[in-house]
């Protein structure tokens, strides 16, 4: 074994331990640990890009074996959709030369589809079983706490019974809608954070690894494939039209798929709308104070920003419009 191979073997073992540390954190403190696990997945992407498939397979085997021993085989297998598969998809997209935004978007949607399908096969879409990131359980616990507070307020007589009942009904609607977004939209957000971390790490360490990683364009120039509008349209039709069907099975399925398509596409178009807003800041030389104020308003009026991004699909605000009259027209005799 030469020095290079020995060095990589040691590095692979260290990177597997880093991922294991993130997994332990995710188990002990689920919500914060989920972000730590995202950071701990960087080695998967780095090894694949810098050292190739064989070293990645070795890292994967070692990591899954350690996870199975220290936790359980079921927990170990969650690393496949959460870390290993996104790393493979993003590395493949980068290697075939896709531009950064297209590579990340394609990987993001593919990883979400893969993870959601695997979740459904292993847990069932309506299952309340424990998982590495127990989203359902966390929201159920929060709803229980809110319900306790409402009961205390009701007992003290601080608010009218009608106001408390209205608050209870609104919370139930939010809770029911949130459950529709488990797991697909939550996995989408997970992968969005993870892939951003992966790509950021690749950009930072590309020079040290001898890699040529194309940087992302300025945020004000972020534009997504126009075909993504079909995801939004499909989600709207499924949720608002088919979701009202009398057939319970069809209606429930349409509500679930439609809610997730709407939520995922809304996140994408919120980013697109925010990017367009920053383009307007640059174009019209908006001052720093006004930028901060308008950005804060954008975070409040999120739906308006989403529609701003959707309208840009057709209006194409960032492409210079041709002048109404060419320079030659002014020389014509009338």
C-alpha atoms as a PDB file:
ATOM      1  CA  UNK A   1       0.000   0.000   0.000  1.00  0.00           C
ATOM      2  CA  UNK A   2       1.582   3.285  -1.108  1.00  0.00           C
ATOM      3  CA  UNK A   3       1.464   6.511   0.857  1.00  0.00           C
ATOM      4  CA  UNK A   4      -1.361   7.970  -1.235  1.00  0.00           C
ATOM      5  CA  UNK A   5      -3.619   4.950  -0.698  1.00  0.00           C
ATOM      6  CA  UNK A   6      -2.832   4.839   3.020  1.00  0.00           C
ATOM      7  CA  UNK A   7      -3.566   8.541   3.358  1.00  0.00           C
ATOM      8  CA  UNK A   8      -6.891   8.209   1.566  1.00  0.00           C
ATOM      9  CA  UNK A   9      -7.855   5.156   3.631  1.00  0.00           C
ATOM     10  CA  UNK A  10      -7.219   7.094   6.832  1.00  0.00           C
ATOM     11  CA  UNK A  11      -9.083  10.100   5.432  1.00  0.00           C
ATOM     12  CA  UNK A  12     -12.026   7.886   4.471  1.00  0.00           C
ATOM     13  CA  UNK A  13     -12.192   6.493   8.013  1.00  0.00           C
ATOM     14  CA  UNK A  14     -12.104   9.999   9.520  1.00  0.00           C
ATOM     15  CA  UNK A  15     -14.856  11.174   7.164  1.00  0.00           C
ATOM     16  CA  UNK A  16     -17.015   8.167   8.082  1.00  0.00           C
ATOM     17  CA  UNK A  17     -16.588   9.075  11.764  1.00  0.00           C
ATOM     18  CA  UNK A  18     -17.607  12.680  11.011  1.00  0.00           C
ATOM     19  CA  UNK A  19     -20.819  11.431   9.409  1.00  0.00           C
ATOM     20  CA  UNK A  20     -21.415   9.127  12.382  1.00  0.00           C
ATOM     21  CA  UNK A  21     -21.082  12.071  14.766  1.00  0.00           C
ATOM     22  CA  UNK A  22     -23.778  13.894  12.798  1.00  0.00           C
ATOM     23  CA  UNK A  23     -26.027  10.832  12.929  1.00  0.00           C
ATOM     24  CA  UNK A  24     -25.651  10.577  16.713  1.00  0.00           C
ATOM     25  CA  UNK A  25     -26.511  14.284  17.045  1.00  0.00           C
ATOM     26  CA  UNK A  26     -29.601  13.808  14.847  1.00  0.00           C
ATOM     27  CA  UNK A  27     -30.789  10.951  17.072  1.00  0.00           C
ATOM     28  CA  UNK A  28     -30.197  12.778  20.353  1.00  0.00           C
ATOM     29  CA  UNK A  29     -31.543  16.230  19.373  1.00  0.00           C
ATOM     30  CA  UNK A  30     -33.693  15.629  16.263  1.00  0.00           C
ATOM     31  CA  UNK A  31     -34.384  19.137  14.892  1.00  0.00           C
ATOM     32  CA  UNK A  32     -30.983  20.736  15.575  1.00  0.00           C
ATOM     33  CA  UNK A  33     -29.259  17.427  14.916  1.00  0.00           C
ATOM     34  CA  UNK A  34     -30.848  17.271  11.474  1.00  0.00           C
ATOM     35  CA  UNK A  35     -28.852  20.339  10.451  1.00  0.00           C
ATOM     36  CA  UNK A  36     -25.692  18.865  12.007  1.00  0.00           C
ATOM     37  CA  UNK A  37     -26.243  15.689   9.985  1.00  0.00           C
ATOM     38  CA  UNK A  38     -26.526  17.830   6.865  1.00  0.00           C
ATOM     39  CA  UNK A  39     -23.064  19.243   7.602  1.00  0.00           C
ATOM     40  CA  UNK A  40     -21.773  15.770   8.417  1.00  0.00           C
ATOM     41  CA  UNK A  41     -22.835  14.584   4.968  1.00  0.00           C
ATOM     42  CA  UNK A  42     -20.247  16.793   3.243  1.00  0.00           C
ATOM     43  CA  UNK A  43     -17.663  13.958   3.181  1.00  0.00           C
ATOM     44  CA  UNK A  44     -19.955  11.872   0.947  1.00  0.00           C
ATOM     45  CA  UNK A  45     -20.014  14.543  -1.748  1.00  0.00           C
ATOM     46  CA  UNK A  46     -16.345  15.481  -1.364  1.00  0.00           C
ATOM     47  CA  UNK A  47     -15.096  11.878  -1.609  1.00  0.00           C
ATOM     48  CA  UNK A  48     -17.248  11.215  -4.667  1.00  0.00           C
ATOM     49  CA  UNK A  49     -16.040  14.305  -6.511  1.00  0.00           C
ATOM     50  CA  UNK A  50     -12.397  14.204  -5.462  1.00  0.00           C
ATOM     51  CA  UNK A  51     -11.579  10.496  -5.170  1.00  0.00           C
ATOM     52  CA  UNK A  52     -14.140   8.736  -7.336  1.00  0.00           C
ATOM     53  CA  UNK A  53     -16.773   6.019  -7.087  1.00  0.00           C
ATOM     54  CA  UNK A  54     -14.650   3.236  -5.538  1.00  0.00           C
ATOM     55  CA  UNK A  55     -13.611   5.353  -2.553  1.00  0.00           C
ATOM     56  CA  UNK A  56     -17.203   6.548  -2.179  1.00  0.00           C
ATOM     57  CA  UNK A  57     -18.417   2.943  -2.063  1.00  0.00           C
ATOM     58  CA  UNK A  58     -15.823   2.180   0.618  1.00  0.00           C
ATOM     59  CA  UNK A  59     -16.884   5.227   2.645  1.00  0.00           C
ATOM     60  CA  UNK A  60     -20.559   4.276   2.262  1.00  0.00           C
ATOM     61  CA  UNK A  61     -19.986   0.678   3.352  1.00  0.00           C
ATOM     62  CA  UNK A  62     -17.955   1.760   6.383  1.00  0.00           C
ATOM     63  CA  UNK A  63     -20.468   4.437   7.387  1.00  0.00           C
ATOM     64  CA  UNK A  64     -23.500   2.160   7.045  1.00  0.00           C
ATOM     65  CA  UNK A  65     -21.742  -0.619   8.967  1.00  0.00           C
ATOM     66  CA  UNK A  66     -20.829   1.703  11.845  1.00  0.00           C
ATOM     67  CA  UNK A  67     -24.346   3.172  11.901  1.00  0.00           C
ATOM     68  CA  UNK A  68     -25.865  -0.307  11.992  1.00  0.00           C
ATOM     69  CA  UNK A  69     -23.627  -1.353  14.892  1.00  0.00           C
ATOM     70  CA  UNK A  70     -23.989   1.818  16.968  1.00  0.00           C
ATOM     71  CA  UNK A  71     -27.695   2.339  16.306  1.00  0.00           C
ATOM     72  CA  UNK A  72     -29.746  -0.052  14.179  1.00  0.00           C
ATOM     73  CA  UNK A  73     -29.847  -1.264  10.567  1.00  0.00           C
ATOM     74  CA  UNK A  74     -33.067   0.728  10.002  1.00  0.00           C
ATOM     75  CA  UNK A  75     -31.417   3.947  11.198  1.00  0.00           C
ATOM     76  CA  UNK A  76     -28.351   3.205   9.101  1.00  0.00           C
ATOM     77  CA  UNK A  77     -30.490   2.862   5.988  1.00  0.00           C
ATOM     78  CA  UNK A  78     -31.930   6.368   6.480  1.00  0.00           C
ATOM     79  CA  UNK A  79     -28.480   7.664   5.505  1.00  0.00           C
ATOM     80  CA  UNK A  80     -29.061   6.365   1.959  1.00  0.00           C
ATOM     81  CA  UNK A  81     -31.870   8.818   1.024  1.00  0.00           C
ATOM     82  CA  UNK A  82     -30.703  11.612   3.324  1.00  0.00           C
ATOM     83  CA  UNK A  83     -26.997  11.770   2.422  1.00  0.00           C
ATOM     84  CA  UNK A  84     -25.672   9.134   0.031  1.00  0.00           C
ATOM     85  CA  UNK A  85     -28.216   9.398  -2.787  1.00  0.00           C
ATOM     86  CA  UNK A  86     -28.231  13.247  -2.902  1.00  0.00           C
ATOM     87  CA  UNK A  87     -24.410  13.174  -3.027  1.00  0.00           C
ATOM     88  CA  UNK A  88     -24.493  10.736  -5.963  1.00  0.00           C
ATOM     89  CA  UNK A  89     -27.125  12.733  -7.877  1.00  0.00           C
ATOM     90  CA  UNK A  90     -25.438  16.103  -7.371  1.00  0.00           C
ATOM     91  CA  UNK A  91     -21.994  14.768  -8.254  1.00  0.00           C
ATOM     92  CA  UNK A  92     -23.390  13.209 -11.434  1.00  0.00           C
ATOM     93  CA  UNK A  93     -25.106  16.480 -12.399  1.00  0.00           C
ATOM     94  CA  UNK A  94     -21.885  18.433 -11.802  1.00  0.00           C
ATOM     95  CA  UNK A  95     -19.746  15.966 -13.747  1.00  0.00           C
ATOM     96  CA  UNK A  96     -21.960  16.034 -16.851  1.00  0.00           C
ATOM     97  CA  UNK A  97     -21.560  19.809 -16.957  1.00  0.00           C
ATOM     98  CA  UNK A  98     -24.978  21.141 -15.952  1.00  0.00           C
ATOM     99  CA  UNK A  99     -24.963  24.752 -14.792  1.00  0.00           C
ATOM    100  CA  UNK A 100     -25.085  25.055 -10.973  1.00  0.00           C
ATOM    101  CA  UNK A 101     -28.739  26.082 -10.585  1.00  0.00           C
ATOM    102  CA  UNK A 102     -29.965  23.414 -12.994  1.00  0.00           C
ATOM    103  CA  UNK A 103     -27.786  20.785 -11.313  1.00  0.00           C
ATOM    104  CA  UNK A 104     -29.040  21.655  -7.826  1.00  0.00           C
ATOM    105  CA  UNK A 105     -32.693  21.931  -8.898  1.00  0.00           C
ATOM    106  CA  UNK A 106     -32.655  18.620 -10.753  1.00  0.00           C
ATOM    107  CA  UNK A 107     -30.886  16.905  -7.858  1.00  0.00           C
ATOM    108  CA  UNK A 108     -33.249  18.477  -5.356  1.00  0.00           C
ATOM    109  CA  UNK A 109     -36.400  17.242  -7.083  1.00  0.00           C
ATOM    110  CA  UNK A 110     -34.924  13.799  -7.826  1.00  0.00           C
ATOM    111  CA  UNK A 111     -33.692  13.314  -4.255  1.00  0.00           C
ATOM    112  CA  UNK A 112     -37.066  14.417  -2.864  1.00  0.00           C
ATOM    113  CA  UNK A 113     -38.909  11.970  -5.116  1.00  0.00           C
ATOM    114  CA  UNK A 114     -36.540   9.136  -4.188  1.00  0.00           C
ATOM    115  CA  UNK A 115     -36.688   9.875  -0.445  1.00  0.00           C
ATOM    116  CA  UNK A 116     -40.470  10.228  -0.419  1.00  0.00           C
ATOM    117  CA  UNK A 117     -40.912   6.953  -2.283  1.00  0.00           C
ATOM    118  CA  UNK A 118     -38.543   5.146   0.086  1.00  0.00           C
ATOM    119  CA  UNK A 119     -40.325   6.678   3.100  1.00  0.00           C
ATOM    120  CA  UNK A 120     -43.652   5.446   1.755  1.00  0.00           C
ATOM    121  CA  UNK A 121     -42.336   1.916   1.145  1.00  0.00           C
ATOM    122  CA  UNK A 122     -40.659   1.552   4.544  1.00  0.00           C
ATOM    123  CA  UNK A 123     -42.948   3.547   6.878  1.00  0.00           C
ATOM    124  CA  UNK A 124     -46.155   4.184   5.009  1.00  0.00           C
ATOM    125  CA  UNK A 125     -47.219   7.720   4.166  1.00  0.00           C
ATOM    126  CA  UNK A 126     -49.727   7.857   6.995  1.00  0.00           C
ATOM    127  CA  UNK A 127     -47.533   6.148   9.554  1.00  0.00           C
ATOM    128  CA  UNK A 128     -46.833   7.683  12.914  1.00  0.00           C
ATOM    129  CA  UNK A 129     -43.826   5.434  13.504  1.00  0.00           C
ATOM    130  CA  UNK A 130     -40.647   6.883  14.899  1.00  0.00           C
ATOM    131  CA  UNK A 131     -38.124   8.169  12.381  1.00  0.00           C
ATOM    132  CA  UNK A 132     -34.742   9.843  12.394  1.00  0.00           C
ATOM    133  CA  UNK A 133     -36.407  13.253  12.098  1.00  0.00           C
ATOM    134  CA  UNK A 134     -39.799  12.753  13.870  1.00  0.00           C
ATOM    135  CA  UNK A 135     -41.673  15.610  12.225  1.00  0.00           C
ATOM    136  CA  UNK A 136     -45.166  14.288  12.960  1.00  0.00           C
ATOM    137  CA  UNK A 137     -44.352  13.682  16.607  1.00  0.00           C
ATOM    138  CA  UNK A 138     -42.859  17.154  17.050  1.00  0.00           C
ATOM    139  CA  UNK A 139     -45.923  18.865  15.607  1.00  0.00           C
ATOM    140  CA  UNK A 140     -48.267  16.664  17.647  1.00  0.00           C
ATOM    141  CA  UNK A 141     -46.382  17.635  20.821  1.00  0.00           C
ATOM    142  CA  UNK A 142     -46.570  21.333  19.940  1.00  0.00           C
ATOM    143  CA  UNK A 143     -50.312  21.068  19.270  1.00  0.00           C
ATOM    144  CA  UNK A 144     -50.796  19.383  22.658  1.00  0.00           C
ATOM    145  CA  UNK A 145     -48.956  22.255  24.384  1.00  0.00           C
ATOM    146  CA  UNK A 146     -51.051  24.877  22.576  1.00  0.00           C
ATOM    147  CA  UNK A 147     -54.237  23.025  23.479  1.00  0.00           C
ATOM    148  CA  UNK A 148     -53.230  23.038  27.151  1.00  0.00           C
ATOM    149  CA  UNK A 149     -52.666  26.799  27.047  1.00  0.00           C
ATOM    150  CA  UNK A 150     -56.034  27.368  25.381  1.00  0.00           C
ATOM    151  CA  UNK A 151     -57.729  25.339  28.119  1.00  0.00           C
ATOM    152  CA  UNK A 152     -56.025  27.406  30.824  1.00  0.00           C
ATOM    153  CA  UNK A 153     -57.129  30.639  29.131  1.00  0.00           C
ATOM    154  CA  UNK A 154     -60.646  29.220  28.836  1.00  0.00           C
ATOM    155  CA  UNK A 155     -60.708  28.306  32.533  1.00  0.00           C
ATOM    156  CA  UNK A 156     -59.523  31.767  33.583  1.00  0.00           C
ATOM    157  CA  UNK A 157     -62.144  33.408  31.401  1.00  0.00           C
ATOM    158  CA  UNK A 158     -59.668  35.809  29.814  1.00  0.00           C
ATOM    159  CA  UNK A 159     -61.189  35.404  26.349  1.00  0.00           C
ATOM    160  CA  UNK A 160     -64.662  34.662  25.036  1.00  0.00           C
ATOM    161  CA  UNK A 161     -65.585  31.066  24.250  1.00  0.00           C
ATOM    162  CA  UNK A 162     -66.122  32.001  20.595  1.00  0.00           C
ATOM    163  CA  UNK A 163     -62.615  33.492  20.260  1.00  0.00           C
ATOM    164  CA  UNK A 164     -61.003  30.442  21.845  1.00  0.00           C
ATOM    165  CA  UNK A 165     -62.987  28.072  19.651  1.00  0.00           C
ATOM    166  CA  UNK A 166     -62.022  30.073  16.532  1.00  0.00           C
ATOM    167  CA  UNK A 167     -58.341  29.915  17.557  1.00  0.00           C
ATOM    168  CA  UNK A 168     -58.660  26.167  18.164  1.00  0.00           C
ATOM    169  CA  UNK A 169     -60.252  25.649  14.739  1.00  0.00           C
ATOM    170  CA  UNK A 170     -57.576  27.712  12.966  1.00  0.00           C
ATOM    171  CA  UNK A 171     -54.813  25.746  14.679  1.00  0.00           C
ATOM    172  CA  UNK A 172     -56.458  22.474  13.678  1.00  0.00           C
ATOM    173  CA  UNK A 173     -56.585  23.576  10.044  1.00  0.00           C
ATOM    174  CA  UNK A 174     -52.900  24.538  10.118  1.00  0.00           C
ATOM    175  CA  UNK A 175     -52.038  21.232  11.799  1.00  0.00           C
ATOM    176  CA  UNK A 176     -54.040  19.163   9.286  1.00  0.00           C
ATOM    177  CA  UNK A 177     -52.433  21.006   6.371  1.00  0.00           C
ATOM    178  CA  UNK A 178     -48.962  20.563   7.863  1.00  0.00           C
ATOM    179  CA  UNK A 179     -49.502  16.810   8.132  1.00  0.00           C
ATOM    180  CA  UNK A 180     -50.214  16.741   4.392  1.00  0.00           C
ATOM    181  CA  UNK A 181     -46.678  18.063   3.826  1.00  0.00           C
ATOM    182  CA  UNK A 182     -45.088  15.110   5.661  1.00  0.00           C
ATOM    183  CA  UNK A 183     -42.878  13.681   4.322  1.00  0.00           C
ATOM    184  CA  UNK A 184     -42.413  15.170   0.830  1.00  0.00           C
ATOM    185  CA  UNK A 185     -42.144  18.908   1.531  1.00  0.00           C
ATOM    186  CA  UNK A 186     -40.122  18.416   4.701  1.00  0.00           C
ATOM    187  CA  UNK A 187     -37.732  16.136   2.818  1.00  0.00           C
ATOM    188  CA  UNK A 188     -37.533  18.775   0.082  1.00  0.00           C
ATOM    189  CA  UNK A 189     -36.476  21.406   2.632  1.00  0.00           C
ATOM    190  CA  UNK A 190     -33.997  18.946   4.158  1.00  0.00           C
ATOM    191  CA  UNK A 191     -32.424  18.266   0.754  1.00  0.00           C
ATOM    192  CA  UNK A 192     -32.428  21.970  -0.105  1.00  0.00           C
ATOM    193  CA  UNK A 193     -30.313  22.704   2.985  1.00  0.00           C
ATOM    194  CA  UNK A 194     -28.117  19.649   2.452  1.00  0.00           C
ATOM    195  CA  UNK A 195     -27.380  20.343  -1.211  1.00  0.00           C
ATOM    196  CA  UNK A 196     -26.610  23.992  -0.460  1.00  0.00           C
ATOM    197  CA  UNK A 197     -24.136  22.823   2.175  1.00  0.00           C
ATOM    198  CA  UNK A 198     -22.634  20.259  -0.213  1.00  0.00           C
ATOM    199  CA  UNK A 199     -22.168  22.741  -3.034  1.00  0.00           C
ATOM    200  CA  UNK A 200     -20.833  25.427  -0.719  1.00  0.00           C
ATOM    201  CA  UNK A 201     -18.244  23.003   0.653  1.00  0.00           C
ATOM    202  CA  UNK A 202     -17.244  21.946  -2.876  1.00  0.00           C
ATOM    203  CA  UNK A 203     -16.699  25.582  -3.858  1.00  0.00           C
ATOM    204  CA  UNK A 204     -14.649  26.254  -0.736  1.00  0.00           C
ATOM    205  CA  UNK A 205     -12.371  23.244  -1.062  1.00  0.00           C
ATOM    206  CA  UNK A 206     -12.317  22.844  -4.867  1.00  0.00           C
ATOM    207  CA  UNK A 207      -8.834  24.336  -5.174  1.00  0.00           C
ATOM    208  CA  UNK A 208      -7.379  22.035  -2.519  1.00  0.00           C
ATOM    209  CA  UNK A 209      -8.927  18.980  -4.188  1.00  0.00           C
ATOM    210  CA  UNK A 210      -7.917  19.943  -7.713  1.00  0.00           C
ATOM    211  CA  UNK A 211     -11.520  20.276  -8.835  1.00  0.00           C
ATOM    212  CA  UNK A 212     -13.146  22.781 -11.179  1.00  0.00           C
ATOM    213  CA  UNK A 213     -16.508  23.628  -9.612  1.00  0.00           C
ATOM    214  CA  UNK A 214     -18.538  26.351 -11.346  1.00  0.00           C
ATOM    215  CA  UNK A 215     -19.701  28.998  -8.837  1.00  0.00           C
ATOM    216  CA  UNK A 216     -23.347  29.960  -8.556  1.00  0.00           C
ATOM    217  CA  UNK A 217     -24.404  33.125 -10.417  1.00  0.00           C
ATOM    218  CA  UNK A 218     -25.161  36.278  -8.390  1.00  0.00           C
ATOM    219  CA  UNK A 219     -28.413  35.867  -6.440  1.00  0.00           C
ATOM    220  CA  UNK A 220     -30.081  38.612  -8.486  1.00  0.00           C
ATOM    221  CA  UNK A 221     -29.630  36.437 -11.601  1.00  0.00           C
ATOM    222  CA  UNK A 222     -31.115  33.188 -10.255  1.00  0.00           C
ATOM    223  CA  UNK A 223     -33.616  31.894 -12.787  1.00  0.00           C
ATOM    224  CA  UNK A 224     -35.217  28.456 -12.896  1.00  0.00           C
ATOM    225  CA  UNK A 225     -36.413  26.334 -15.785  1.00  0.00           C
ATOM    226  CA  UNK A 226     -39.818  27.569 -16.962  1.00  0.00           C
ATOM    227  CA  UNK A 227     -41.141  23.987 -17.001  1.00  0.00           C
ATOM    228  CA  UNK A 228     -41.310  24.110 -13.196  1.00  0.00           C
ATOM    229  CA  UNK A 229     -44.508  26.116 -13.602  1.00  0.00           C
ATOM    230  CA  UNK A 230     -46.256  22.834 -14.407  1.00  0.00           C
ATOM    231  CA  UNK A 231     -45.470  21.629 -10.886  1.00  0.00           C
ATOM    232  CA  UNK A 232     -47.345  24.641  -9.490  1.00  0.00           C
ATOM    233  CA  UNK A 233     -50.275  24.288 -11.917  1.00  0.00           C
ATOM    234  CA  UNK A 234     -50.585  20.539 -11.252  1.00  0.00           C
ATOM    235  CA  UNK A 235     -50.498  21.133  -7.502  1.00  0.00           C
ATOM    236  CA  UNK A 236     -53.183  23.825  -7.707  1.00  0.00           C
ATOM    237  CA  UNK A 237     -55.506  21.620  -9.797  1.00  0.00           C
ATOM    238  CA  UNK A 238     -54.997  18.566  -7.594  1.00  0.00           C
ATOM    239  CA  UNK A 239     -55.497  20.433  -4.319  1.00  0.00           C
ATOM    240  CA  UNK A 240     -58.326  22.816  -5.243  1.00  0.00           C
ATOM    241  CA  UNK A 241     -60.189  20.752  -7.872  1.00  0.00           C
ATOM    242  CA  UNK A 242     -59.614  17.003  -7.484  1.00  0.00           C
ATOM    243  CA  UNK A 243     -59.115  17.406  -3.740  1.00  0.00           C
ATOM    244  CA  UNK A 244     -62.826  18.227  -3.417  1.00  0.00           C
ATOM    245  CA  UNK A 245     -63.899  14.977  -5.136  1.00  0.00           C
ATOM    246  CA  UNK A 246     -66.631  12.973  -3.410  1.00  0.00           C
ATOM    247  CA  UNK A 247     -64.600   9.797  -3.649  1.00  0.00           C
ATOM    248  CA  UNK A 248     -62.655   9.745  -0.366  1.00  0.00           C
ATOM    249  CA  UNK A 249     -59.668   7.838  -1.742  1.00  0.00           C
ATOM    250  CA  UNK A 250     -59.249  10.073  -4.810  1.00  0.00           C
ATOM    251  CA  UNK A 251     -59.834  13.240  -2.797  1.00  0.00           C
ATOM    252  CA  UNK A 252     -57.344  12.278  -0.078  1.00  0.00           C
ATOM    253  CA  UNK A 253     -54.660  11.289  -2.602  1.00  0.00           C
ATOM    254  CA  UNK A 254     -55.199  14.488  -4.608  1.00  0.00           C
ATOM    255  CA  UNK A 255     -55.005  16.611  -1.453  1.00  0.00           C
ATOM    256  CA  UNK A 256     -51.730  14.992  -0.384  1.00  0.00           C
ATOM    257  CA  UNK A 257     -50.016  15.214  -3.767  1.00  0.00           C
ATOM    258  CA  UNK A 258     -51.461  18.649  -4.555  1.00  0.00           C
ATOM    259  CA  UNK A 259     -50.482  20.182  -1.206  1.00  0.00           C
ATOM    260  CA  UNK A 260     -46.886  19.015  -1.603  1.00  0.00           C
ATOM    261  CA  UNK A 261     -46.613  20.118  -5.239  1.00  0.00           C
ATOM    262  CA  UNK A 262     -47.974  23.533  -4.269  1.00  0.00           C
ATOM    263  CA  UNK A 263     -45.687  23.874  -1.248  1.00  0.00           C
ATOM    264  CA  UNK A 264     -42.536  22.750  -3.094  1.00  0.00           C
ATOM    265  CA  UNK A 265     -43.190  24.934  -6.154  1.00  0.00           C
ATOM    266  CA  UNK A 266     -44.054  27.872  -3.873  1.00  0.00           C
ATOM    267  CA  UNK A 267     -40.684  27.547  -2.147  1.00  0.00           C
ATOM    268  CA  UNK A 268     -38.930  27.535  -5.526  1.00  0.00           C
ATOM    269  CA  UNK A 269     -40.886  30.552  -6.786  1.00  0.00           C
ATOM    270  CA  UNK A 270     -40.377  32.398  -3.512  1.00  0.00           C
ATOM    271  CA  UNK A 271     -36.629  32.099  -4.109  1.00  0.00           C
ATOM    272  CA  UNK A 272     -37.152  33.190  -7.739  1.00  0.00           C
ATOM    273  CA  UNK A 273     -39.290  36.150  -6.641  1.00  0.00           C
ATOM    274  CA  UNK A 274     -36.745  37.182  -4.017  1.00  0.00           C
ATOM    275  CA  UNK A 275     -33.999  36.976  -6.645  1.00  0.00           C
ATOM    276  CA  UNK A 276     -36.067  39.194  -8.952  1.00  0.00           C
ATOM    277  CA  UNK A 277     -36.570  41.654  -6.096  1.00  0.00           C
ATOM    278  CA  UNK A 278     -32.801  41.895  -5.620  1.00  0.00           C
ATOM    279  CA  UNK A 279     -32.433  42.427  -9.370  1.00  0.00           C
ATOM    280  CA  UNK A 280     -34.820  45.374  -9.061  1.00  0.00           C
ATOM    281  CA  UNK A 281     -32.744  46.704  -6.158  1.00  0.00           C
ATOM    282  CA  UNK A 282     -29.669  46.756  -8.398  1.00  0.00           C
ATOM    283  CA  UNK A 283     -31.476  48.069 -11.467  1.00  0.00           C
ATOM    284  CA  UNK A 284     -33.082  51.030  -9.703  1.00  0.00           C
ATOM    285  CA  UNK A 285     -30.167  51.694  -7.298  1.00  0.00           C
ATOM    286  CA  UNK A 286     -32.245  51.130  -4.163  1.00  0.00           C
ATOM    287  CA  UNK A 287     -30.473  52.280  -0.992  1.00  0.00           C
ATOM    288  CA  UNK A 288     -29.394  50.001   1.841  1.00  0.00           C
ATOM    289  CA  UNK A 289     -32.132  51.071   4.278  1.00  0.00           C
ATOM    290  CA  UNK A 290     -34.885  50.610   1.689  1.00  0.00           C
ATOM    291  CA  UNK A 291     -33.439  47.203   0.728  1.00  0.00           C
ATOM    292  CA  UNK A 292     -33.628  46.002   4.317  1.00  0.00           C
ATOM    293  CA  UNK A 293     -37.178  47.302   4.715  1.00  0.00           C
ATOM    294  CA  UNK A 294     -38.431  45.777   1.466  1.00  0.00           C
ATOM    295  CA  UNK A 295     -36.680  42.471   2.222  1.00  0.00           C
ATOM    296  CA  UNK A 296     -38.440  42.325   5.610  1.00  0.00           C
ATOM    297  CA  UNK A 297     -41.768  43.018   3.886  1.00  0.00           C
ATOM    298  CA  UNK A 298     -41.021  40.207   1.424  1.00  0.00           C
ATOM    299  CA  UNK A 299     -40.641  37.791   4.341  1.00  0.00           C
ATOM    300  CA  UNK A 300     -44.074  38.879   5.602  1.00  0.00           C
ATOM    301  CA  UNK A 301     -45.917  38.913   2.272  1.00  0.00           C
ATOM    302  CA  UNK A 302     -44.471  35.624   1.035  1.00  0.00           C
ATOM    303  CA  UNK A 303     -47.371  34.808  -1.289  1.00  0.00           C
ATOM    304  CA  UNK A 304     -46.913  38.103  -3.142  1.00  0.00           C
ATOM    305  CA  UNK A 305     -43.237  37.252  -3.679  1.00  0.00           C
ATOM    306  CA  UNK A 306     -44.240  33.801  -4.962  1.00  0.00           C
ATOM    307  CA  UNK A 307     -46.553  35.376  -7.549  1.00  0.00           C
ATOM    308  CA  UNK A 308     -43.815  37.835  -8.438  1.00  0.00           C
ATOM    309  CA  UNK A 309     -41.594  34.859  -9.296  1.00  0.00           C
ATOM    310  CA  UNK A 310     -44.378  33.110 -11.226  1.00  0.00           C
ATOM    311  CA  UNK A 311     -45.256  36.180 -13.314  1.00  0.00           C
ATOM    312  CA  UNK A 312     -41.573  36.498 -14.254  1.00  0.00           C
ATOM    313  CA  UNK A 313     -41.881  33.150 -16.092  1.00  0.00           C
ATOM    314  CA  UNK A 314     -43.849  34.995 -18.791  1.00  0.00           C
ATOM    315  CA  UNK A 315     -42.986  38.656 -18.224  1.00  0.00           C
ATOM    316  CA  UNK A 316     -39.220  37.951 -18.126  1.00  0.00           C
ATOM    317  CA  UNK A 317     -38.411  41.200 -16.326  1.00  0.00           C
ATOM    318  CA  UNK A 318     -34.641  40.674 -16.453  1.00  0.00           C
ATOM    319  CA  UNK A 319     -34.293  40.471 -20.224  1.00  0.00           C
ATOM    320  CA  UNK A 320     -33.789  43.949 -21.793  1.00  0.00           C
ATOM    321  CA  UNK A 321     -36.739  44.887 -23.949  1.00  0.00           C
ATOM    322  CA  UNK A 322     -36.075  46.125 -27.517  1.00  0.00           C
ATOM    323  CA  UNK A 323     -36.418  49.853 -28.071  1.00  0.00           C
ATOM    324  CA  UNK A 324     -39.664  51.015 -29.675  1.00  0.00           C
ATOM    325  CA  UNK A 325     -37.710  52.930 -32.344  1.00  0.00           C
ATOM    326  CA  UNK A 326     -34.350  52.039 -33.810  1.00  0.00           C
ATOM    327  CA  UNK A 327     -31.634  54.657 -34.173  1.00  0.00           C
ATOM    328  CA  UNK A 328     -32.178  54.720 -37.918  1.00  0.00           C
ATOM    329  CA  UNK A 329     -35.806  55.799 -37.530  1.00  0.00           C
ATOM    330  CA  UNK A 330     -34.816  59.256 -36.286  1.00  0.00           C
ATOM    331  CA  UNK A 331     -32.981  60.003 -39.541  1.00  0.00           C
ATOM    332  CA  UNK A 332     -36.003  59.373 -41.724  1.00  0.00           C
ATOM    333  CA  UNK A 333     -37.640  62.306 -43.484  1.00  0.00           C
ATOM    334  CA  UNK A 334     -41.287  62.942 -42.740  1.00  0.00           C
END
